[in-house]
Amino acid sequence: MEVTKNKRSNRLYRKLERSPLVNHYRTDRYKFEKEKPGHSIWDFLTGALLKWLWHYLKNRFGPKYRYPKYESESGIYKLTSNGEDIVIGIAADWATNTEESIKVAEEISKKDPHYSIHLGDTYYVGEPDEIAANFLPEENSNWHRGSKGSFAVLGNHEMYARGIAFFRDLLPNMGLRNSTGKFEGQKAGYFCLENEHWRILGLDTGYHSVGKLPILEMIPKIGPNCHFDQSLMDWLSKTVKLSDPADKRGIVILTHHQPITAFKGESEYVVPAKQIGSLLGSERPIIWLFGHEHKLALYEKSTIKNSLTAYCRCMGNGGMPIEINKQFQVSSRKSGSDKLVMVDRRIQPALGLGYNGYVLLKLLNSRLTIEYYDINTFLLSETWMHDINSGAIKGTILPPVNADLKNEHDKVWTDIVKP
């Protein structure tokens, strides 16, 4: 992978907040620094303050990009195999255009996956220049596209710029790869990849992750709850037919936002879980991978607000600097605190940061393997088997290769996944 674009230093992302105002400030400050290296904060405030405020107000009070939905196709794509694993590379919170994120993409490229999926967040605000720097053009992109296709779901950061560049610029360059090698475009912000035993659903929690008014969106229980758009729910119900009791395939959900957490300073976005639960019920366990939190963490089987049962995995360590700080402190007030099994708190001595990484999904018939990697090495894997007659899934997790990966609550690795 030859990368010729200007990279950003991971120092630019240290102590980054999720405030749209702060992220717009960082975007304009970065542009100003490129134009006038070594400038002072006073130079920026006198030379670019109005531009920064204009961008912020325009994006916070302007209309969102009109939500696209599938018209001429179903958004369901068949995973076919010639007796070999179908490999899917996944990274979340990846699009930082740093040396570390490019290294993650290079490592995914070495695995030569059939499909690649980005689980959201293009920093700082997903504006056109930032989408282009990470993903475009496809033939010279930092992001590795799979040999058969590449997909993306929204995070909250793309919506800080109203989702315009995500839908207008990125998605037309994603989707399935056709016979000429070009990508046919991803027509909506959600999709389904499936075989006879498994369905992998990439779902959009980002579109409704920002509110219409900057003040109200910061008030608990009044602000945005990351719910699935009604058109997405209609697709799940009428096209995917997720509530069909005769379809007993195993289900893997991919979103940007988490339905469960164990950590201080983080939120639990339970509304999407309730929406899925309204179609599936609470008795049928699924696997749920997500980002948003910049860490790698695994949870045992959890029933989320009596609506959905899931094995949750946080894999938001794709590209943002992993700052081992208070956001790694477990809070007893979070419903995931007693379900947490593992969190990667390792620190790279040279950087003082944690490890960036990615995940590979491997599917062959009824078997689904999830492999976890950092930028240097394989960490651990879990293998799931699906019974097409009963719909049951059973999994086992191998002990981590790296002994520094810590267990929580003295749980035993062989007992992490319970049938």
Protein backbone atom coordinates (compact mmCIF):
# COMPACT_ATOMS: atom_id res chain seq x y z
CA MET A 1 0.00 0.00 0.00
CA GLU A 2 1.62 3.21 -1.19
CA VAL A 3 0.40 6.24 0.73
CA THR A 4 1.36 9.71 -0.47
CA LYS A 5 -1.11 11.81 1.51
CA ASN A 6 -0.12 14.01 4.42
CA LYS A 7 -0.45 12.11 7.66
CA ARG A 8 -1.59 13.53 10.97
CA SER A 9 0.27 13.01 14.22
CA ASN A 10 -1.53 11.09 16.94
CA ARG A 11 -0.72 14.06 19.18
CA LEU A 12 -3.45 15.98 17.37
CA TYR A 13 -6.05 13.61 18.83
CA ARG A 14 -4.96 13.51 22.46
CA LYS A 15 -7.74 14.38 24.93
CA LEU A 16 -10.22 14.79 22.09
CA GLU A 17 -13.77 15.32 23.31
CA ARG A 18 -16.96 14.31 21.52
CA SER A 19 -18.22 17.88 21.42
CA PRO A 20 -19.03 19.02 17.85
CA LEU A 21 -17.79 22.50 18.77
CA VAL A 22 -14.39 21.16 19.86
CA ASN A 23 -14.10 18.90 16.82
CA HIS A 24 -14.88 21.75 14.42
CA TYR A 25 -12.26 23.82 16.23
CA ARG A 26 -9.70 21.07 15.77
CA THR A 27 -10.56 20.73 12.08
CA ASP A 28 -10.10 24.44 11.37
CA ARG A 29 -7.05 24.68 13.61
CA TYR A 30 -5.43 21.83 11.67
CA LYS A 31 -6.13 23.55 8.34
CA PHE A 32 -4.76 26.83 9.67
CA GLU A 33 -1.61 25.11 10.91
CA LYS A 34 -0.98 23.64 7.46
CA GLU A 35 -1.30 27.09 5.92
CA LYS A 36 0.71 28.90 8.59
CA PRO A 37 3.05 26.50 10.43
CA GLY A 38 4.08 27.57 13.91
CA HIS A 39 1.18 29.97 14.38
CA SER A 40 0.04 30.96 17.83
CA ILE A 41 -3.43 30.50 19.26
CA TRP A 42 -3.84 34.27 18.97
CA ASP A 43 -3.04 34.07 15.24
CA PHE A 44 -5.73 31.44 14.85
CA LEU A 45 -8.35 33.33 16.85
CA THR A 46 -7.75 36.54 14.90
CA GLY A 47 -7.35 34.87 11.53
CA ALA A 48 -9.78 31.94 11.52
CA LEU A 49 -12.22 32.42 14.40
CA LEU A 50 -15.12 33.51 12.20
CA LYS A 51 -14.50 30.66 9.77
CA TRP A 52 -14.52 28.15 12.61
CA LEU A 53 -17.76 29.50 14.08
CA TRP A 54 -19.37 29.64 10.65
CA HIS A 55 -18.55 25.99 9.95
CA TYR A 56 -19.85 24.99 13.36
CA LEU A 57 -23.13 26.91 13.12
CA LYS A 58 -23.74 25.80 9.54
CA ASN A 59 -23.26 22.14 10.40
CA ARG A 60 -25.11 22.23 13.70
CA PHE A 61 -28.16 24.12 12.46
CA GLY A 62 -28.20 23.09 8.80
CA PRO A 63 -30.26 20.12 7.56
CA LYS A 64 -28.82 16.64 7.67
CA TYR A 65 -28.15 14.81 4.44
CA ARG A 66 -31.39 13.20 3.30
CA TYR A 67 -31.40 9.63 4.60
CA PRO A 68 -30.94 7.19 1.68
CA LYS A 69 -32.60 3.79 1.49
CA TYR A 70 -32.48 0.86 -0.88
CA GLU A 71 -34.58 1.36 -4.00
CA SER A 72 -33.35 -0.85 -6.84
CA GLU A 73 -31.65 -3.53 -4.73
CA SER A 74 -32.27 -5.26 -1.42
CA GLY A 75 -29.05 -4.44 0.45
CA ILE A 76 -28.65 -8.17 1.16
CA TYR A 77 -25.50 -9.72 -0.28
CA LYS A 78 -24.72 -13.43 -0.45
CA LEU A 79 -21.43 -14.71 0.91
CA THR A 80 -20.29 -17.57 -1.31
CA SER A 81 -17.42 -19.93 -0.60
CA ASN A 82 -15.55 -22.59 -2.54
CA GLY A 83 -14.83 -24.59 0.58
CA GLU A 84 -12.55 -21.92 2.05
CA ASP A 85 -13.08 -19.28 4.74
CA ILE A 86 -14.81 -16.07 3.78
CA VAL A 87 -12.68 -13.39 5.46
CA ILE A 88 -13.99 -9.98 6.55
CA GLY A 89 -11.66 -7.31 7.95
CA ILE A 90 -13.24 -4.82 10.37
CA ALA A 91 -11.92 -1.68 12.04
CA ALA A 92 -13.76 0.95 14.09
CA ASP A 93 -12.82 4.57 14.86
CA TRP A 94 -10.10 4.09 12.28
CA ALA A 95 -10.20 7.18 10.03
CA THR A 96 -7.59 9.40 11.71
CA ASN A 97 -5.02 9.40 8.87
CA THR A 98 -2.23 8.76 11.37
CA GLU A 99 0.77 6.50 11.07
CA GLU A 100 -0.96 4.04 13.41
CA SER A 101 -4.22 3.92 11.45
CA ILE A 102 -2.33 3.43 8.18
CA LYS A 103 -0.44 0.58 9.84
CA VAL A 104 -3.76 -1.02 10.82
CA ALA A 105 -4.93 -0.78 7.21
CA GLU A 106 -1.67 -2.28 6.00
CA GLU A 107 -2.04 -5.20 8.40
CA ILE A 108 -5.61 -5.81 7.21
CA SER A 109 -4.34 -5.67 3.63
CA LYS A 110 -1.79 -8.40 4.38
CA LYS A 111 -4.65 -10.70 5.41
CA ASP A 112 -6.25 -10.12 1.97
CA PRO A 113 -9.89 -10.18 3.19
CA HIS A 114 -12.77 -10.70 0.78
CA TYR A 115 -14.65 -7.81 2.45
CA SER A 116 -13.69 -4.88 4.65
CA ILE A 117 -15.96 -2.85 6.92
CA HIS A 118 -15.41 0.46 8.70
CA LEU A 119 -17.56 0.89 11.82
CA GLY A 120 -17.64 4.66 11.79
CA ASP A 121 -15.92 7.90 12.83
CA THR A 122 -13.88 9.95 10.40
CA TYR A 123 -11.99 12.59 12.31
CA TYR A 124 -12.59 15.24 13.19
CA VAL A 125 -15.99 15.91 11.62
CA GLY A 126 -16.14 13.78 8.49
CA GLU A 127 -15.92 16.75 6.15
CA PRO A 128 -15.00 16.18 2.47
CA ASP A 129 -11.23 16.67 2.93
CA GLU A 130 -11.19 14.21 5.84
CA ILE A 131 -13.25 11.58 4.02
CA ALA A 132 -10.92 11.93 1.02
CA ALA A 133 -7.73 11.76 3.10
CA ASN A 134 -8.74 8.40 4.58
CA PHE A 135 -10.84 6.69 1.90
CA LEU A 136 -10.49 8.31 -1.54
CA PRO A 137 -9.69 7.73 -4.30
CA GLU A 138 -10.21 4.01 -3.98
CA GLU A 139 -7.13 3.10 -6.04
CA ASN A 140 -4.83 5.08 -3.73
CA SER A 141 -6.66 4.92 -0.44
CA ASN A 142 -5.35 4.46 3.08
CA TRP A 143 -8.40 2.25 3.69
CA HIS A 144 -8.02 -1.31 2.40
CA ARG A 145 -10.94 -2.45 0.28
CA GLY A 146 -11.71 -6.15 0.16
CA SER A 147 -11.33 -8.21 -3.00
CA LYS A 148 -15.13 -8.62 -3.21
CA GLY A 149 -16.46 -5.55 -1.43
CA SER A 150 -16.11 -2.85 1.20
CA PHE A 151 -18.79 -1.26 3.40
CA ALA A 152 -19.15 1.46 6.03
CA VAL A 153 -21.56 2.51 8.76
CA LEU A 154 -21.93 5.97 10.25
CA GLY A 155 -20.36 7.15 13.46
CA ASN A 156 -21.19 10.34 15.33
CA HIS A 157 -18.16 12.24 13.99
CA GLU A 158 -19.33 12.10 10.37
CA MET A 159 -22.60 13.59 11.53
CA TYR A 160 -20.81 16.62 13.03
CA ALA A 161 -20.75 17.76 9.39
CA ARG A 162 -24.33 16.56 8.76
CA GLY A 163 -23.23 13.30 7.13
CA ILE A 164 -22.90 15.03 3.76
CA ALA A 165 -19.46 13.74 2.75
CA PHE A 166 -20.18 10.25 4.13
CA PHE A 167 -23.28 9.75 1.99
CA ARG A 168 -22.30 11.88 -1.01
CA ASP A 169 -18.59 11.06 -1.36
CA LEU A 170 -17.77 7.85 0.50
CA LEU A 171 -20.69 5.46 -0.05
CA PRO A 172 -20.66 5.77 -3.87
CA ASN A 173 -17.09 4.42 -3.70
CA MET A 174 -17.96 1.46 -1.50
CA GLY A 175 -20.19 -1.62 -1.94
CA LEU A 176 -19.51 -4.69 -4.04
CA ARG A 177 -16.61 -4.88 -6.48
CA ASN A 178 -17.82 -5.67 -10.00
CA SER A 179 -16.15 -7.64 -12.80
CA THR A 180 -14.15 -4.59 -13.91
CA GLY A 181 -12.70 -4.11 -10.41
CA LYS A 182 -14.72 -0.99 -9.65
CA PHE A 183 -17.04 -0.63 -6.68
CA GLU A 184 -20.74 -0.37 -7.44
CA GLY A 185 -21.56 1.90 -4.51
CA GLN A 186 -23.20 1.31 -1.16
CA LYS A 187 -26.73 2.61 -1.63
CA ALA A 188 -27.63 3.11 2.05
CA GLY A 189 -25.91 3.35 5.43
CA TYR A 190 -26.79 -0.24 6.37
CA PHE A 191 -26.41 -3.68 4.77
CA CYS A 192 -26.60 -7.44 5.28
CA LEU A 193 -23.96 -10.05 4.39
CA GLU A 194 -25.23 -13.61 4.71
CA ASN A 195 -24.70 -17.27 4.05
CA GLU A 196 -26.79 -20.32 4.91
CA HIS A 197 -25.88 -20.15 8.61
CA TRP A 198 -25.06 -16.54 9.48
CA ARG A 199 -26.33 -13.03 8.85
CA ILE A 200 -23.98 -10.07 9.42
CA LEU A 201 -25.94 -6.83 9.76
CA GLY A 202 -24.15 -3.50 9.49
CA LEU A 203 -26.57 -1.02 11.08
CA ASP A 204 -26.53 2.76 11.42
CA THR A 205 -26.60 4.26 14.91
CA GLY A 206 -24.82 7.43 13.75
CA TYR A 207 -27.52 9.32 11.87
CA HIS A 208 -29.50 10.00 15.04
CA SER A 209 -26.43 10.45 17.27
CA VAL A 210 -26.61 14.25 17.04
CA GLY A 211 -29.54 16.46 17.90
CA LYS A 212 -31.10 19.42 16.15
CA LEU A 213 -30.14 21.90 18.86
CA PRO A 214 -26.63 22.00 20.38
CA ILE A 215 -27.89 22.88 23.87
CA LEU A 216 -30.67 20.31 24.20
CA GLU A 217 -28.54 17.47 22.84
CA MET A 218 -26.27 17.72 25.90
CA ILE A 219 -29.12 17.19 28.39
CA PRO A 220 -29.40 13.55 29.59
CA LYS A 221 -32.53 11.72 28.40
CA ILE A 222 -33.39 14.62 26.09
CA GLY A 223 -30.48 14.39 23.70
CA PRO A 224 -30.09 11.91 20.82
CA ASN A 225 -30.32 8.20 21.64
CA CYS A 226 -28.75 6.76 18.46
CA HIS A 227 -31.96 4.99 17.47
CA PHE A 228 -32.29 3.25 14.13
CA ASP A 229 -34.08 5.32 11.53
CA GLN A 230 -37.59 4.13 10.67
CA SER A 231 -36.54 3.30 7.11
CA LEU A 232 -33.83 1.03 8.52
CA MET A 233 -36.38 -0.65 10.80
CA ASP A 234 -38.73 -1.13 7.84
CA TRP A 235 -35.86 -2.74 5.93
CA LEU A 236 -35.08 -5.09 8.84
CA SER A 237 -38.73 -6.05 9.12
CA LYS A 238 -39.86 -6.26 5.49
CA THR A 239 -36.72 -7.01 3.48
CA VAL A 240 -34.41 -8.81 5.89
CA LYS A 241 -37.47 -10.30 7.66
CA LEU A 242 -35.56 -10.39 10.92
CA SER A 243 -38.62 -11.44 12.90
CA ASP A 244 -39.29 -14.51 10.76
CA PRO A 245 -39.38 -17.44 13.25
CA ALA A 246 -38.46 -19.89 10.49
CA ASP A 247 -35.14 -18.16 9.86
CA LYS A 248 -32.85 -19.49 12.57
CA ARG A 249 -29.52 -18.28 11.23
CA GLY A 250 -27.00 -16.85 13.67
CA ILE A 251 -26.86 -13.06 13.78
CA VAL A 252 -23.90 -10.69 14.10
CA ILE A 253 -24.71 -7.00 14.59
CA LEU A 254 -22.15 -4.34 13.62
CA THR A 255 -22.72 -0.75 14.79
CA HIS A 256 -20.66 2.23 15.80
CA HIS A 257 -22.33 2.83 19.18
CA GLN A 258 -22.38 0.44 22.12
CA PRO A 259 -25.50 -1.05 23.72
CA ILE A 260 -23.54 -1.83 26.88
CA THR A 261 -20.47 -0.51 28.67
CA ALA A 262 -18.60 -1.00 31.91
CA PHE A 263 -16.64 2.23 31.91
CA LYS A 264 -16.87 5.66 33.49
CA GLY A 265 -17.69 8.54 31.21
CA GLU A 266 -19.36 6.32 28.60
CA SER A 267 -23.03 5.92 27.74
CA GLU A 268 -25.16 2.86 27.08
CA TYR A 269 -27.28 3.28 23.95
CA VAL A 270 -30.04 0.82 24.72
CA VAL A 271 -32.70 2.06 22.26
CA PRO A 272 -31.14 0.25 19.25
CA ALA A 273 -31.01 -2.92 21.35
CA LYS A 274 -34.69 -2.54 22.18
CA GLN A 275 -35.47 -2.02 18.51
CA ILE A 276 -33.66 -5.24 17.55
CA GLY A 277 -35.29 -6.99 20.50
CA SER A 278 -38.72 -5.97 19.23
CA LEU A 279 -38.03 -8.12 16.15
CA LEU A 280 -36.00 -10.96 17.65
CA GLY A 281 -37.24 -11.19 21.23
CA SER A 282 -34.99 -11.56 24.26
CA GLU A 283 -34.37 -15.31 24.17
CA ARG A 284 -32.31 -15.58 21.00
CA PRO A 285 -28.68 -14.59 21.67
CA ILE A 286 -26.70 -12.67 19.07
CA ILE A 287 -23.14 -11.38 18.70
CA TRP A 288 -22.71 -7.57 18.69
CA LEU A 289 -19.48 -5.79 17.67
CA PHE A 290 -19.15 -2.02 18.06
CA GLY A 291 -16.71 0.88 18.36
CA HIS A 292 -17.15 4.42 19.75
CA GLU A 293 -15.14 3.66 22.90
CA HIS A 294 -11.45 3.69 22.03
CA LYS A 295 -10.55 0.35 23.51
CA LEU A 296 -10.74 -3.41 23.05
CA ALA A 297 -13.08 -5.09 25.54
CA LEU A 298 -15.14 -8.30 25.70
CA TYR A 299 -18.30 -9.01 27.68
CA GLU A 300 -20.04 -12.23 28.61
CA LYS A 301 -23.65 -12.92 27.64
CA SER A 302 -25.85 -9.99 28.64
CA THR A 303 -29.56 -9.26 28.50
CA ILE A 304 -29.87 -5.58 27.65
CA LYS A 305 -32.80 -3.88 29.39
CA ASN A 306 -34.85 -7.09 29.17
CA SER A 307 -35.05 -6.64 25.40
CA LEU A 308 -32.14 -8.41 23.73
CA THR A 309 -29.53 -11.01 24.66
CA ALA A 310 -26.08 -10.40 23.20
CA TYR A 311 -22.41 -11.24 23.44
CA CYS A 312 -20.91 -7.75 23.15
CA ARG A 313 -17.43 -6.85 21.92
CA CYS A 314 -16.01 -3.33 21.86
CA MET A 315 -13.36 -2.92 19.15
CA GLY A 316 -13.00 0.88 18.91
CA ASN A 317 -9.21 0.72 18.85
CA GLY A 318 -8.79 1.08 15.09
CA GLY A 319 -7.07 4.44 14.77
CA MET A 320 -7.58 6.88 17.62
CA PRO A 321 -4.78 7.11 20.21
CA ILE A 322 -5.63 4.68 23.00
CA GLU A 323 -5.20 6.83 26.08
CA ILE A 324 -5.24 4.61 29.16
CA ASN A 325 -7.03 7.09 31.42
CA LYS A 326 -10.21 7.44 33.46
CA GLN A 327 -12.24 6.09 30.55
CA PHE A 328 -10.73 2.71 31.37
CA GLN A 329 -12.04 2.83 34.94
CA VAL A 330 -14.88 0.40 35.56
CA SER A 331 -18.02 1.95 37.02
CA SER A 332 -20.43 -0.07 39.14
CA ARG A 333 -23.21 2.17 37.84
CA LYS A 334 -22.90 0.74 34.35
CA SER A 335 -24.85 -2.40 33.53
CA GLY A 336 -21.82 -3.91 31.83
CA SER A 337 -19.57 -3.67 34.87
CA ASP A 338 -20.27 -7.20 36.09
CA LYS A 339 -20.30 -8.59 32.54
CA LEU A 340 -16.86 -7.35 31.55
CA VAL A 341 -14.44 -10.17 30.87
CA MET A 342 -11.41 -8.53 29.30
CA VAL A 343 -10.11 -5.07 28.49
CA ASP A 344 -6.76 -4.40 26.86
CA ARG A 345 -4.87 -2.00 29.13
CA ARG A 346 -1.41 -2.69 27.70
CA ILE A 347 0.75 0.36 27.05
CA GLN A 348 3.34 0.80 24.31
CA PRO A 349 6.36 2.17 26.22
CA ALA A 350 7.60 4.29 23.32
CA LEU A 351 4.26 6.07 22.87
CA GLY A 352 2.64 5.91 26.29
CA LEU A 353 -0.52 4.76 24.50
CA GLY A 354 -2.41 1.52 24.13
CA TYR A 355 -2.41 -0.63 21.01
CA ASN A 356 -4.45 0.01 17.89
CA GLY A 357 -5.93 -3.01 16.19
CA TYR A 358 -8.61 -4.68 14.12
CA VAL A 359 -10.76 -7.80 13.83
CA LEU A 360 -11.11 -10.55 11.26
CA LEU A 361 -14.32 -12.51 10.84
CA LYS A 362 -13.92 -15.90 9.15
CA LEU A 363 -16.98 -17.84 8.01
CA LEU A 364 -17.21 -21.38 6.68
CA ASN A 365 -20.59 -23.09 6.73
CA SER A 366 -21.82 -23.14 10.35
CA ARG A 367 -18.51 -21.94 11.83
CA LEU A 368 -17.76 -18.29 12.59
CA THR A 369 -14.35 -17.33 13.96
CA ILE A 370 -13.55 -13.88 15.34
CA GLU A 371 -9.85 -13.08 15.50
CA TYR A 372 -8.46 -10.05 17.33
CA TYR A 373 -5.19 -8.39 16.32
CA ASP A 374 -3.14 -5.38 17.31
CA ILE A 375 -0.77 -3.70 14.87
CA ASN A 376 1.98 -6.17 15.77
CA THR A 377 0.45 -9.53 16.52
CA PHE A 378 -2.49 -11.90 16.86
CA LEU A 379 -4.11 -11.60 20.30
CA LEU A 380 -6.96 -14.07 20.73
CA SER A 381 -9.84 -15.71 18.91
CA GLU A 382 -13.30 -17.07 19.53
CA THR A 383 -15.05 -19.75 17.50
CA TRP A 384 -18.82 -20.01 17.20
CA MET A 385 -20.86 -22.90 15.86
CA HIS A 386 -24.43 -22.52 14.68
CA ASP A 387 -27.18 -25.15 14.68
CA ILE A 388 -29.46 -24.44 11.73
CA ASN A 389 -32.26 -26.58 13.16
CA SER A 390 -32.53 -25.01 16.60
CA GLY A 391 -30.88 -21.64 15.92
CA ALA A 392 -28.58 -22.14 18.91
CA ILE A 393 -25.06 -20.73 18.86
CA LYS A 394 -22.20 -22.03 20.97
CA GLY A 395 -18.81 -20.45 21.30
CA THR A 396 -15.43 -20.95 22.86
CA ILE A 397 -12.66 -18.42 23.36
CA LEU A 398 -9.03 -19.41 23.32
CA PRO A 399 -6.88 -17.92 26.07
CA PRO A 400 -5.04 -14.83 24.81
CA VAL A 401 -1.65 -15.33 23.25
CA ASN A 402 -0.38 -12.25 25.10
CA ALA A 403 -0.40 -12.84 28.85
CA ASP A 404 -0.62 -9.08 29.48
CA LEU A 405 -4.24 -9.05 28.33
CA LYS A 406 -6.07 -8.89 31.64
CA ASN A 407 -9.16 -10.78 32.75
CA GLU A 408 -11.77 -8.99 34.83
CA HIS A 409 -13.43 -10.37 37.98
CA ASP A 410 -11.22 -13.50 37.92
CA LYS A 411 -13.28 -15.04 35.12
CA VAL A 412 -11.76 -18.09 33.46
CA TRP A 413 -11.17 -17.81 29.71
CA THR A 414 -12.80 -21.14 28.92
CA ASP A 415 -15.95 -19.95 30.69
CA ILE A 416 -16.30 -16.62 28.93
CA VAL A 417 -18.86 -17.77 26.38
CA LYS A 418 -21.67 -19.76 27.87
CA PRO A 419 -24.08 -21.74 25.67
